[in-house]
Amino acid sequence: MADNPLKDLENKIDELISLCRELNRENCALKAEIAGWREERKDLLDKNELARSKVEAMINRLRTME
């Protein structure tokens, strides 16, 4: 009789271990995805700054032509 509650507890612990492993894998995947989004954001900010600098340079050249 005492074996059944112990077996139930063992099964629940195994389920928790499995869930923890699954959550750890998901967490790692999400961290990698966040890192990718941050890198893409950095690249876009750099491109935006480059475009802004080029537009400012064109505006300045146009002003000197007046």
Protein backbone atom coordinates (compact mmCIF):
# COMPACT_ATOMS: atom_id res chain seq x y z
CA MET A 1 0.00 0.00 0.00
CA ALA A 2 2.83 2.41 0.80
CA ASP A 3 4.42 1.62 -2.58
CA ASN A 4 1.62 3.26 -4.57
CA PRO A 5 1.99 6.79 -3.08
CA LEU A 6 5.74 6.55 -3.51
CA LYS A 7 5.32 5.51 -7.13
CA ASP A 8 2.90 8.43 -7.68
CA LEU A 9 5.43 10.81 -6.13
CA GLU A 10 8.19 9.38 -8.29
CA ASN A 11 6.07 9.88 -11.42
CA LYS A 12 5.28 13.47 -10.45
CA ILE A 13 8.96 14.18 -9.84
CA ASP A 14 9.83 12.69 -13.23
CA GLU A 15 7.19 14.92 -14.83
CA LEU A 16 8.65 17.97 -13.07
CA ILE A 17 12.15 17.08 -14.24
CA SER A 18 10.88 16.69 -17.79
CA LEU A 19 9.05 20.01 -17.59
CA CYS A 20 12.16 21.74 -16.23
CA ARG A 21 14.25 20.39 -19.09
CA GLU A 22 11.67 21.53 -21.62
CA LEU A 23 11.48 24.99 -20.04
CA ASN A 24 15.28 25.24 -20.01
CA ARG A 25 15.42 24.41 -23.72
CA GLU A 26 12.70 26.95 -24.45
CA ASN A 27 14.48 29.55 -22.33
CA CYS A 28 17.74 29.02 -24.24
CA ALA A 29 15.92 29.31 -27.55
CA LEU A 30 14.25 32.54 -26.45
CA LYS A 31 17.56 33.98 -25.26
CA ALA A 32 19.11 33.17 -28.64
CA GLU A 33 16.15 34.79 -30.39
CA ILE A 34 16.50 37.91 -28.24
CA ALA A 35 20.20 38.09 -29.08
CA GLY A 36 19.33 37.90 -32.78
CA TRP A 37 16.74 40.66 -32.47
CA ARG A 38 19.23 42.85 -30.58
CA GLU A 39 21.85 42.32 -33.28
CA GLU A 40 19.32 43.15 -35.99
CA ARG A 41 18.25 46.27 -34.09
CA LYS A 42 21.89 47.36 -33.78
CA ASP A 43 22.40 46.85 -37.52
CA LEU A 44 19.28 48.86 -38.33
CA LEU A 45 20.32 51.68 -36.01
CA ASP A 46 23.74 51.76 -37.68
CA LYS A 47 22.15 51.87 -41.14
CA ASN A 48 19.78 54.60 -39.99
CA GLU A 49 22.68 56.68 -38.69
CA LEU A 50 24.58 56.21 -41.94
CA ALA A 51 21.55 57.28 -43.97
CA ARG A 52 21.02 60.31 -41.72
CA SER A 53 24.65 61.36 -42.16
CA LYS A 54 24.40 61.02 -45.94
CA VAL A 55 21.20 63.07 -46.07
CA GLU A 56 22.76 65.78 -43.89
CA ALA A 57 25.81 65.85 -46.17
CA MET A 58 23.57 66.22 -49.26
CA ILE A 59 21.62 69.03 -47.60
CA ASN A 60 24.84 70.83 -46.74
CA ARG A 61 26.09 70.47 -50.32
CA LEU A 62 22.81 71.85 -51.64
CA ARG A 63 23.04 74.82 -49.26
CA THR A 64 26.53 75.63 -50.49
CA MET A 65 25.25 75.61 -54.09
CA GLU A 66 22.72 78.37 -53.37
